[in-house]
Amino acid sequence: MSDKRRTPAEALAPADLVDRMIALTVDLGAIIARETEALRNRDREQVVALQPEKIRLANEYALDVQSVQTRKELIDRAPAERVARLKAGMIELGRLLALNGEALAAARSVSEGLIRMVANAMSEKTAPALGYGANAAAPRRAATAAGSGSLTLDARV
């Protein structure tokens, strides 16, 4: 990260603000695409490594978008071609975010399934034996949504 201060959107010329937003949109889209690929490849270290830059870009992007939403005149005088490129970039970013959301949901589903399997295995292993003698066996328990083991599944993200 650099030490230079971020120029507020209100202090930039309309064309410069649109150019900055285009660059942020492209850079954020590239990070999101890399994160999605890392999720699909189950490369947890890569996902973690991308987070600081993703957060920085997302915050800067959100600040500019919020400024433009509250003061539309900030980009009214920008060249139409640049505004069209910004809109196209925002649409592409939306598409990339949808793909990223699908990859995150799949990773979450796999993780929850693994936790349920471990919890069910633990509860079967720790179930008390009923009956007498060498043939005594624990009855099969019906599987529950959260299992009855010592692990708890929290569905919140």
N, C-alpha and C. Protein backbone atom coordinates (compact mmCIF):
# COMPACT_ATOMS: atom_id res chain seq x y z
N MET A 1 0.83 -1.18 0.00
CA MET A 1 0.00 0.00 0.00
C MET A 1 0.88 1.24 0.00
N SER A 2 0.41 2.27 -0.63
CA SER A 2 1.19 3.50 -0.69
C SER A 2 0.74 4.43 0.42
N ASP A 3 1.58 5.44 0.69
CA ASP A 3 1.27 6.40 1.73
C ASP A 3 0.53 7.61 1.19
N LYS A 4 0.41 7.73 -0.11
CA LYS A 4 -0.23 8.93 -0.65
C LYS A 4 -1.72 8.92 -0.31
N ARG A 5 -2.20 10.10 -0.04
CA ARG A 5 -3.61 10.26 0.34
C ARG A 5 -4.49 10.16 -0.90
N ARG A 6 -5.66 9.62 -0.67
CA ARG A 6 -6.64 9.47 -1.74
C ARG A 6 -7.34 10.80 -1.96
N THR A 7 -7.40 11.25 -3.20
CA THR A 7 -8.08 12.48 -3.52
C THR A 7 -9.59 12.24 -3.47
N PRO A 8 -10.33 13.07 -2.74
CA PRO A 8 -11.79 12.88 -2.70
C PRO A 8 -12.40 13.04 -4.09
N ALA A 9 -13.47 12.32 -4.33
CA ALA A 9 -14.13 12.35 -5.63
C ALA A 9 -14.55 13.77 -6.01
N GLU A 10 -14.96 14.55 -5.04
CA GLU A 10 -15.44 15.92 -5.28
C GLU A 10 -14.32 16.84 -5.78
N ALA A 11 -13.06 16.48 -5.48
CA ALA A 11 -11.93 17.33 -5.86
C ALA A 11 -11.40 17.01 -7.26
N LEU A 12 -11.89 15.96 -7.88
CA LEU A 12 -11.40 15.56 -9.20
C LEU A 12 -12.28 16.14 -10.31
N ALA A 13 -11.65 16.36 -11.46
CA ALA A 13 -12.42 16.73 -12.65
C ALA A 13 -13.27 15.53 -13.04
N PRO A 14 -14.44 15.75 -13.65
CA PRO A 14 -15.33 14.63 -14.00
C PRO A 14 -14.63 13.52 -14.79
N ALA A 15 -13.84 13.87 -15.79
CA ALA A 15 -13.16 12.86 -16.60
C ALA A 15 -12.15 12.08 -15.76
N ASP A 16 -11.46 12.77 -14.85
CA ASP A 16 -10.49 12.10 -13.99
C ASP A 16 -11.17 11.15 -13.02
N LEU A 17 -12.32 11.56 -12.49
CA LEU A 17 -13.07 10.69 -11.58
C LEU A 17 -13.54 9.44 -12.32
N VAL A 18 -14.06 9.62 -13.52
CA VAL A 18 -14.51 8.45 -14.30
C VAL A 18 -13.33 7.55 -14.61
N ASP A 19 -12.19 8.12 -14.97
CA ASP A 19 -11.00 7.30 -15.25
C ASP A 19 -10.57 6.52 -14.01
N ARG A 20 -10.59 7.17 -12.84
CA ARG A 20 -10.23 6.48 -11.61
C ARG A 20 -11.22 5.35 -11.32
N MET A 21 -12.50 5.61 -11.53
CA MET A 21 -13.51 4.58 -11.28
C MET A 21 -13.36 3.41 -12.26
N ILE A 22 -13.01 3.70 -13.51
CA ILE A 22 -12.77 2.63 -14.49
C ILE A 22 -11.59 1.78 -14.02
N ALA A 23 -10.51 2.43 -13.60
CA ALA A 23 -9.33 1.68 -13.13
C ALA A 23 -9.67 0.84 -11.90
N LEU A 24 -10.43 1.40 -10.96
CA LEU A 24 -10.82 0.64 -9.77
C LEU A 24 -11.70 -0.55 -10.15
N THR A 25 -12.61 -0.34 -11.09
CA THR A 25 -13.50 -1.40 -11.53
C THR A 25 -12.71 -2.54 -12.17
N VAL A 26 -11.77 -2.20 -13.02
CA VAL A 26 -10.94 -3.21 -13.69
C VAL A 26 -10.08 -3.95 -12.67
N ASP A 27 -9.42 -3.20 -11.78
CA ASP A 27 -8.54 -3.82 -10.78
C ASP A 27 -9.33 -4.71 -9.82
N LEU A 28 -10.47 -4.22 -9.35
CA LEU A 28 -11.29 -5.01 -8.44
C LEU A 28 -11.82 -6.26 -9.14
N GLY A 29 -12.23 -6.12 -10.40
CA GLY A 29 -12.69 -7.28 -11.16
C GLY A 29 -11.59 -8.33 -11.32
N ALA A 30 -10.36 -7.87 -11.54
CA ALA A 30 -9.23 -8.81 -11.68
C ALA A 30 -8.99 -9.56 -10.38
N ILE A 31 -9.06 -8.87 -9.25
CA ILE A 31 -8.87 -9.52 -7.95
C ILE A 31 -10.00 -10.52 -7.69
N ILE A 32 -11.22 -10.13 -8.00
CA ILE A 32 -12.37 -11.02 -7.79
C ILE A 32 -12.23 -12.27 -8.67
N ALA A 33 -11.80 -12.09 -9.91
CA ALA A 33 -11.60 -13.24 -10.81
C ALA A 33 -10.51 -14.17 -10.27
N ARG A 34 -9.41 -13.59 -9.77
CA ARG A 34 -8.34 -14.42 -9.18
C ARG A 34 -8.83 -15.15 -7.94
N GLU A 35 -9.63 -14.49 -7.12
CA GLU A 35 -10.17 -15.13 -5.92
C GLU A 35 -11.10 -16.28 -6.30
N THR A 36 -11.94 -16.06 -7.30
CA THR A 36 -12.86 -17.10 -7.75
C THR A 36 -12.09 -18.32 -8.24
N GLU A 37 -11.03 -18.09 -9.01
CA GLU A 37 -10.19 -19.19 -9.50
C GLU A 37 -9.53 -19.92 -8.33
N ALA A 38 -9.05 -19.17 -7.36
CA ALA A 38 -8.43 -19.79 -6.18
C ALA A 38 -9.45 -20.62 -5.39
N LEU A 39 -10.67 -20.12 -5.29
CA LEU A 39 -11.72 -20.89 -4.61
C LEU A 39 -12.00 -22.19 -5.34
N ARG A 40 -12.08 -22.11 -6.65
CA ARG A 40 -12.34 -23.32 -7.45
C ARG A 40 -11.19 -24.32 -7.35
N ASN A 41 -9.97 -23.79 -7.20
CA ASN A 41 -8.80 -24.66 -7.08
C ASN A 41 -8.51 -25.06 -5.63
N ARG A 42 -9.36 -24.62 -4.74
CA ARG A 42 -9.21 -24.90 -3.30
C ARG A 42 -7.86 -24.43 -2.77
N ASP A 43 -7.42 -23.27 -3.26
CA ASP A 43 -6.14 -22.69 -2.86
C ASP A 43 -6.39 -21.63 -1.78
N ARG A 44 -6.53 -22.11 -0.56
CA ARG A 44 -6.88 -21.25 0.57
C ARG A 44 -5.84 -20.15 0.79
N GLU A 45 -4.57 -20.47 0.63
CA GLU A 45 -3.52 -19.48 0.84
C GLU A 45 -3.64 -18.32 -0.15
N GLN A 46 -3.96 -18.62 -1.38
CA GLN A 46 -4.13 -17.58 -2.40
C GLN A 46 -5.34 -16.71 -2.07
N VAL A 47 -6.43 -17.33 -1.61
CA VAL A 47 -7.61 -16.56 -1.23
C VAL A 47 -7.27 -15.60 -0.10
N VAL A 48 -6.56 -16.09 0.89
CA VAL A 48 -6.17 -15.25 2.03
C VAL A 48 -5.23 -14.13 1.58
N ALA A 49 -4.30 -14.44 0.70
CA ALA A 49 -3.32 -13.45 0.24
C ALA A 49 -3.99 -12.31 -0.54
N LEU A 50 -5.11 -12.57 -1.19
CA LEU A 50 -5.79 -11.56 -2.00
C LEU A 50 -6.64 -10.59 -1.16
N GLN A 51 -6.96 -10.97 0.07
CA GLN A 51 -7.91 -10.19 0.86
C GLN A 51 -7.50 -8.74 1.12
N PRO A 52 -6.27 -8.43 1.54
CA PRO A 52 -5.95 -7.02 1.80
C PRO A 52 -6.16 -6.11 0.59
N GLU A 53 -5.68 -6.55 -0.57
CA GLU A 53 -5.85 -5.74 -1.78
C GLU A 53 -7.32 -5.66 -2.19
N LYS A 54 -8.03 -6.75 -2.07
CA LYS A 54 -9.46 -6.76 -2.41
C LYS A 54 -10.23 -5.79 -1.52
N ILE A 55 -9.93 -5.80 -0.24
CA ILE A 55 -10.60 -4.90 0.70
C ILE A 55 -10.28 -3.45 0.38
N ARG A 56 -9.02 -3.16 0.10
CA ARG A 56 -8.63 -1.79 -0.24
C ARG A 56 -9.35 -1.29 -1.48
N LEU A 57 -9.33 -2.11 -2.54
CA LEU A 57 -9.99 -1.71 -3.78
C LEU A 57 -11.49 -1.58 -3.61
N ALA A 58 -12.09 -2.51 -2.88
CA ALA A 58 -13.54 -2.46 -2.67
C ALA A 58 -13.93 -1.21 -1.89
N ASN A 59 -13.13 -0.83 -0.90
CA ASN A 59 -13.43 0.38 -0.13
C ASN A 59 -13.31 1.63 -0.99
N GLU A 60 -12.25 1.71 -1.78
CA GLU A 60 -12.08 2.87 -2.67
C GLU A 60 -13.21 2.94 -3.70
N TYR A 61 -13.55 1.81 -4.26
CA TYR A 61 -14.64 1.74 -5.25
C TYR A 61 -15.95 2.19 -4.60
N ALA A 62 -16.23 1.67 -3.40
CA ALA A 62 -17.48 2.02 -2.70
C ALA A 62 -17.54 3.52 -2.40
N LEU A 63 -16.41 4.10 -2.01
CA LEU A 63 -16.39 5.55 -1.73
C LEU A 63 -16.75 6.35 -2.98
N ASP A 64 -16.14 6.00 -4.11
CA ASP A 64 -16.44 6.72 -5.35
C ASP A 64 -17.88 6.50 -5.80
N VAL A 65 -18.35 5.29 -5.72
CA VAL A 65 -19.73 5.01 -6.14
C VAL A 65 -20.70 5.79 -5.25
N GLN A 66 -20.44 5.79 -3.95
CA GLN A 66 -21.32 6.52 -3.03
C GLN A 66 -21.30 8.02 -3.34
N SER A 67 -20.14 8.57 -3.63
CA SER A 67 -20.04 9.99 -3.98
C SER A 67 -20.85 10.31 -5.22
N VAL A 68 -20.73 9.45 -6.22
CA VAL A 68 -21.45 9.68 -7.47
C VAL A 68 -22.96 9.50 -7.28
N GLN A 69 -23.36 8.55 -6.44
CA GLN A 69 -24.79 8.35 -6.19
C GLN A 69 -25.41 9.55 -5.48
N THR A 70 -24.66 10.16 -4.57
CA THR A 70 -25.21 11.29 -3.85
C THR A 70 -25.08 12.60 -4.63
N ARG A 71 -24.07 12.68 -5.52
CA ARG A 71 -23.87 13.89 -6.32
C ARG A 71 -23.60 13.50 -7.77
N LYS A 72 -24.66 13.25 -8.50
CA LYS A 72 -24.54 12.79 -9.88
C LYS A 72 -23.80 13.79 -10.77
N GLU A 73 -23.79 15.05 -10.39
CA GLU A 73 -23.12 16.06 -11.21
C GLU A 73 -21.60 15.87 -11.24
N LEU A 74 -21.07 15.00 -10.37
CA LEU A 74 -19.63 14.75 -10.36
C LEU A 74 -19.14 14.15 -11.67
N ILE A 75 -20.01 13.41 -12.37
CA ILE A 75 -19.58 12.81 -13.65
C ILE A 75 -20.45 13.26 -14.82
N ASP A 76 -21.35 14.20 -14.60
CA ASP A 76 -22.22 14.67 -15.68
C ASP A 76 -21.44 15.23 -16.87
N ARG A 77 -20.34 15.89 -16.62
CA ARG A 77 -19.58 16.53 -17.71
C ARG A 77 -18.45 15.66 -18.24
N ALA A 78 -18.38 14.44 -17.80
CA ALA A 78 -17.35 13.52 -18.30
C ALA A 78 -17.72 13.09 -19.72
N PRO A 79 -16.72 12.79 -20.55
CA PRO A 79 -17.01 12.34 -21.92
C PRO A 79 -17.90 11.08 -21.92
N ALA A 80 -18.87 11.07 -22.78
CA ALA A 80 -19.85 9.98 -22.85
C ALA A 80 -19.17 8.63 -23.09
N GLU A 81 -18.11 8.62 -23.89
CA GLU A 81 -17.40 7.37 -24.18
C GLU A 81 -16.81 6.78 -22.91
N ARG A 82 -16.26 7.62 -22.06
CA ARG A 82 -15.67 7.14 -20.81
C ARG A 82 -16.74 6.64 -19.84
N VAL A 83 -17.84 7.36 -19.78
CA VAL A 83 -18.95 6.94 -18.91
C VAL A 83 -19.50 5.60 -19.40
N ALA A 84 -19.58 5.42 -20.71
CA ALA A 84 -20.04 4.14 -21.27
C ALA A 84 -19.07 3.02 -20.90
N ARG A 85 -17.76 3.29 -20.94
CA ARG A 85 -16.76 2.29 -20.53
C ARG A 85 -16.91 1.96 -19.05
N LEU A 86 -17.19 2.96 -18.23
CA LEU A 86 -17.40 2.73 -16.80
C LEU A 86 -18.63 1.85 -16.58
N LYS A 87 -19.71 2.14 -17.28
CA LYS A 87 -20.92 1.33 -17.13
C LYS A 87 -20.68 -0.11 -17.56
N ALA A 88 -19.97 -0.29 -18.66
CA ALA A 88 -19.65 -1.65 -19.12
C ALA A 88 -18.77 -2.37 -18.11
N GLY A 89 -17.81 -1.65 -17.53
CA GLY A 89 -16.95 -2.23 -16.51
C GLY A 89 -17.73 -2.63 -15.27
N MET A 90 -18.70 -1.82 -14.89
CA MET A 90 -19.53 -2.12 -13.72
C MET A 90 -20.40 -3.35 -13.98
N ILE A 91 -20.89 -3.49 -15.19
CA ILE A 91 -21.68 -4.68 -15.54
C ILE A 91 -20.80 -5.92 -15.47
N GLU A 92 -19.58 -5.81 -16.00
CA GLU A 92 -18.64 -6.94 -15.95
C GLU A 92 -18.28 -7.27 -14.50
N LEU A 93 -18.08 -6.26 -13.68
CA LEU A 93 -17.79 -6.49 -12.26
C LEU A 93 -18.95 -7.22 -11.59
N GLY A 94 -20.17 -6.84 -11.93
CA GLY A 94 -21.34 -7.53 -11.39
C GLY A 94 -21.36 -9.00 -11.78
N ARG A 95 -20.99 -9.28 -13.03
CA ARG A 95 -20.94 -10.67 -13.50
C ARG A 95 -19.87 -11.46 -12.73
N LEU A 96 -18.71 -10.84 -12.56
CA LEU A 96 -17.62 -11.50 -11.82
C LEU A 96 -18.01 -11.73 -10.37
N LEU A 97 -18.71 -10.79 -9.77
CA LEU A 97 -19.16 -10.95 -8.39
C LEU A 97 -20.19 -12.07 -8.26
N ALA A 98 -21.04 -12.24 -9.27
CA ALA A 98 -22.00 -13.34 -9.23
C ALA A 98 -21.29 -14.68 -9.29
N LEU A 99 -20.29 -14.80 -10.16
CA LEU A 99 -19.50 -16.03 -10.23
C LEU A 99 -18.75 -16.29 -8.93
N ASN A 100 -18.23 -15.22 -8.33
CA ASN A 100 -17.52 -15.33 -7.07
C ASN A 100 -18.47 -15.80 -5.96
N GLY A 101 -19.67 -15.26 -5.97
CA GLY A 101 -20.67 -15.68 -4.98
C GLY A 101 -21.01 -17.15 -5.11
N GLU A 102 -21.10 -17.64 -6.34
CA GLU A 102 -21.37 -19.07 -6.55
C GLU A 102 -20.22 -19.92 -6.03
N ALA A 103 -18.99 -19.49 -6.27
CA ALA A 103 -17.82 -20.25 -5.80
C ALA A 103 -17.75 -20.23 -4.27
N LEU A 104 -18.06 -19.08 -3.67
CA LEU A 104 -18.09 -19.00 -2.21
C LEU A 104 -19.17 -19.89 -1.62
N ALA A 105 -20.34 -19.90 -2.24
CA ALA A 105 -21.44 -20.75 -1.76
C ALA A 105 -21.06 -22.23 -1.86
N ALA A 106 -20.40 -22.61 -2.95
CA ALA A 106 -19.99 -24.00 -3.12
C ALA A 106 -18.95 -24.38 -2.05
N ALA A 107 -18.00 -23.50 -1.81
CA ALA A 107 -16.98 -23.77 -0.79
C ALA A 107 -17.62 -23.88 0.59
N ARG A 108 -18.57 -23.03 0.86
CA ARG A 108 -19.28 -23.07 2.14
C ARG A 108 -20.06 -24.36 2.28
N SER A 109 -20.72 -24.79 1.22
CA SER A 109 -21.51 -26.02 1.24
C SER A 109 -20.62 -27.23 1.50
N VAL A 110 -19.46 -27.27 0.85
CA VAL A 110 -18.52 -28.37 1.06
C VAL A 110 -18.04 -28.37 2.50
N SER A 111 -17.70 -27.20 3.02
CA SER A 111 -17.23 -27.10 4.41
C SER A 111 -18.29 -27.56 5.38
N GLU A 112 -19.53 -27.14 5.17
CA GLU A 112 -20.61 -27.55 6.06
C GLU A 112 -20.84 -29.05 6.00
N GLY A 113 -20.74 -29.62 4.80
CA GLY A 113 -20.89 -31.07 4.65
C GLY A 113 -19.82 -31.83 5.39
N LEU A 114 -18.58 -31.33 5.30
CA LEU A 114 -17.48 -31.98 6.03
C LEU A 114 -17.69 -31.90 7.53
N ILE A 115 -18.14 -30.76 8.01
CA ILE A 115 -18.38 -30.61 9.45
C ILE A 115 -19.49 -31.55 9.90
N ARG A 116 -20.54 -31.68 9.10
CA ARG A 116 -21.63 -32.60 9.46
C ARG A 116 -21.14 -34.05 9.50
N MET A 117 -20.31 -34.42 8.51
CA MET A 117 -19.77 -35.78 8.50
C MET A 117 -18.94 -36.06 9.75
N VAL A 118 -18.09 -35.13 10.12
CA VAL A 118 -17.25 -35.31 11.30
C VAL A 118 -18.12 -35.38 12.55
N ALA A 119 -19.10 -34.50 12.66
CA ALA A 119 -19.98 -34.50 13.83
C ALA A 119 -20.75 -35.81 13.93
N ASN A 120 -21.27 -36.31 12.80
CA ASN A 120 -22.00 -37.58 12.82
C ASN A 120 -21.08 -38.74 13.18
N ALA A 121 -19.87 -38.74 12.65
CA ALA A 121 -18.92 -39.81 12.98
C ALA A 121 -18.56 -39.77 14.45
N MET A 122 -18.39 -38.58 14.99
CA MET A 122 -18.07 -38.45 16.42
C MET A 122 -19.23 -38.95 17.29
N SER A 123 -20.45 -38.61 16.90
CA SER A 123 -21.59 -39.01 17.72
C SER A 123 -21.80 -40.52 17.65
N GLU A 124 -21.53 -41.15 16.51
CA GLU A 124 -21.66 -42.60 16.41
C GLU A 124 -20.57 -43.29 17.23
N LYS A 125 -19.38 -42.73 17.23
CA LYS A 125 -18.27 -43.34 17.94
C LYS A 125 -18.45 -43.23 19.46
N THR A 126 -19.05 -42.14 19.91
CA THR A 126 -19.19 -41.93 21.35
C THR A 126 -20.53 -42.40 21.89
N ALA A 127 -21.36 -43.00 21.05
CA ALA A 127 -22.67 -43.48 21.51
C ALA A 127 -22.47 -44.64 22.49
N PRO A 128 -23.23 -44.66 23.58
CA PRO A 128 -23.08 -45.75 24.55
C PRO A 128 -23.59 -47.07 23.99
N ALA A 129 -22.94 -48.15 24.36
CA ALA A 129 -23.38 -49.49 23.94
C ALA A 129 -24.56 -49.91 24.81
N LEU A 130 -25.56 -50.45 24.19
CA LEU A 130 -26.74 -50.93 24.92
C LEU A 130 -26.77 -52.44 24.88
N GLY A 131 -27.23 -53.03 25.92
CA GLY A 131 -27.35 -54.49 25.95
C GLY A 131 -26.23 -55.10 26.76
N TYR A 132 -26.21 -56.43 26.77
CA TYR A 132 -25.22 -57.17 27.56
C TYR A 132 -24.46 -58.12 26.65
N GLY A 133 -23.23 -58.40 27.00
CA GLY A 133 -22.46 -59.41 26.30
C GLY A 133 -21.70 -58.88 25.11
N ALA A 134 -21.09 -59.80 24.39
CA ALA A 134 -20.22 -59.46 23.26
C ALA A 134 -20.99 -58.92 22.07
N ASN A 135 -22.26 -59.25 21.93
CA ASN A 135 -23.05 -58.81 20.77
C ASN A 135 -23.78 -57.49 21.00
N ALA A 136 -23.53 -56.83 22.12
CA ALA A 136 -24.21 -55.57 22.40
C ALA A 136 -23.73 -54.52 21.39
N ALA A 137 -24.64 -53.74 20.89
CA ALA A 137 -24.31 -52.71 19.91
C ALA A 137 -25.17 -51.49 20.14
N ALA A 138 -24.64 -50.38 19.76
CA ALA A 138 -25.41 -49.14 19.87
C ALA A 138 -26.43 -49.10 18.75
N PRO A 139 -27.64 -48.66 19.06
CA PRO A 139 -28.64 -48.52 18.00
C PRO A 139 -28.25 -47.37 17.07
N ARG A 140 -28.63 -47.48 15.83
CA ARG A 140 -28.36 -46.42 14.86
C ARG A 140 -29.22 -45.22 15.19
N ARG A 141 -28.59 -44.08 15.28
CA ARG A 141 -29.33 -42.84 15.53
C ARG A 141 -29.73 -42.22 14.21
N ALA A 142 -30.87 -41.58 14.21
CA ALA A 142 -31.31 -40.86 13.02
C ALA A 142 -30.46 -39.61 12.89
N ALA A 143 -30.02 -39.30 11.69
CA ALA A 143 -29.20 -38.12 11.47
C ALA A 143 -30.04 -36.87 11.63
N THR A 144 -29.50 -35.89 12.30
CA THR A 144 -30.19 -34.61 12.45
C THR A 144 -29.44 -33.57 11.65
N ALA A 145 -30.05 -32.41 11.50
CA ALA A 145 -29.44 -31.36 10.68
C ALA A 145 -28.08 -30.95 11.22
N ALA A 146 -27.96 -30.83 12.54
CA ALA A 146 -26.68 -30.37 13.09
C ALA A 146 -25.90 -31.54 13.69
N GLY A 147 -26.45 -32.73 13.65
CA GLY A 147 -25.77 -33.87 14.26
C GLY A 147 -25.88 -33.78 15.77
N SER A 148 -25.49 -34.81 16.46
CA SER A 148 -25.56 -34.76 17.91
C SER A 148 -24.19 -34.86 18.54
N GLY A 149 -23.16 -34.65 17.73
CA GLY A 149 -21.80 -34.69 18.26
C GLY A 149 -21.47 -33.41 18.99
N SER A 150 -20.24 -33.28 19.38
CA SER A 150 -19.84 -32.12 20.13
C SER A 150 -19.56 -30.91 19.24
N LEU A 151 -19.56 -31.09 17.93
CA LEU A 151 -19.35 -29.98 17.02
C LEU A 151 -20.67 -29.29 16.74
N THR A 152 -20.62 -28.00 16.59
CA THR A 152 -21.81 -27.22 16.29
C THR A 152 -21.59 -26.53 14.96
N LEU A 153 -22.59 -26.55 14.11
CA LEU A 153 -22.51 -25.92 12.80
C LEU A 153 -23.25 -24.59 12.88
N ASP A 154 -22.56 -23.54 12.56
CA ASP A 154 -23.16 -22.21 12.55
C ASP A 154 -23.26 -21.78 11.09
N ALA A 155 -24.46 -21.61 10.58
CA ALA A 155 -24.67 -21.34 9.16
C ALA A 155 -24.38 -19.89 8.80
N ARG A 156 -24.12 -19.02 9.76
CA ARG A 156 -23.84 -17.62 9.44
C ARG A 156 -22.48 -17.49 8.80
N VAL A 157 -22.35 -16.48 7.94
CA VAL A 157 -21.06 -16.19 7.31
C VAL A 157 -20.46 -14.98 7.94
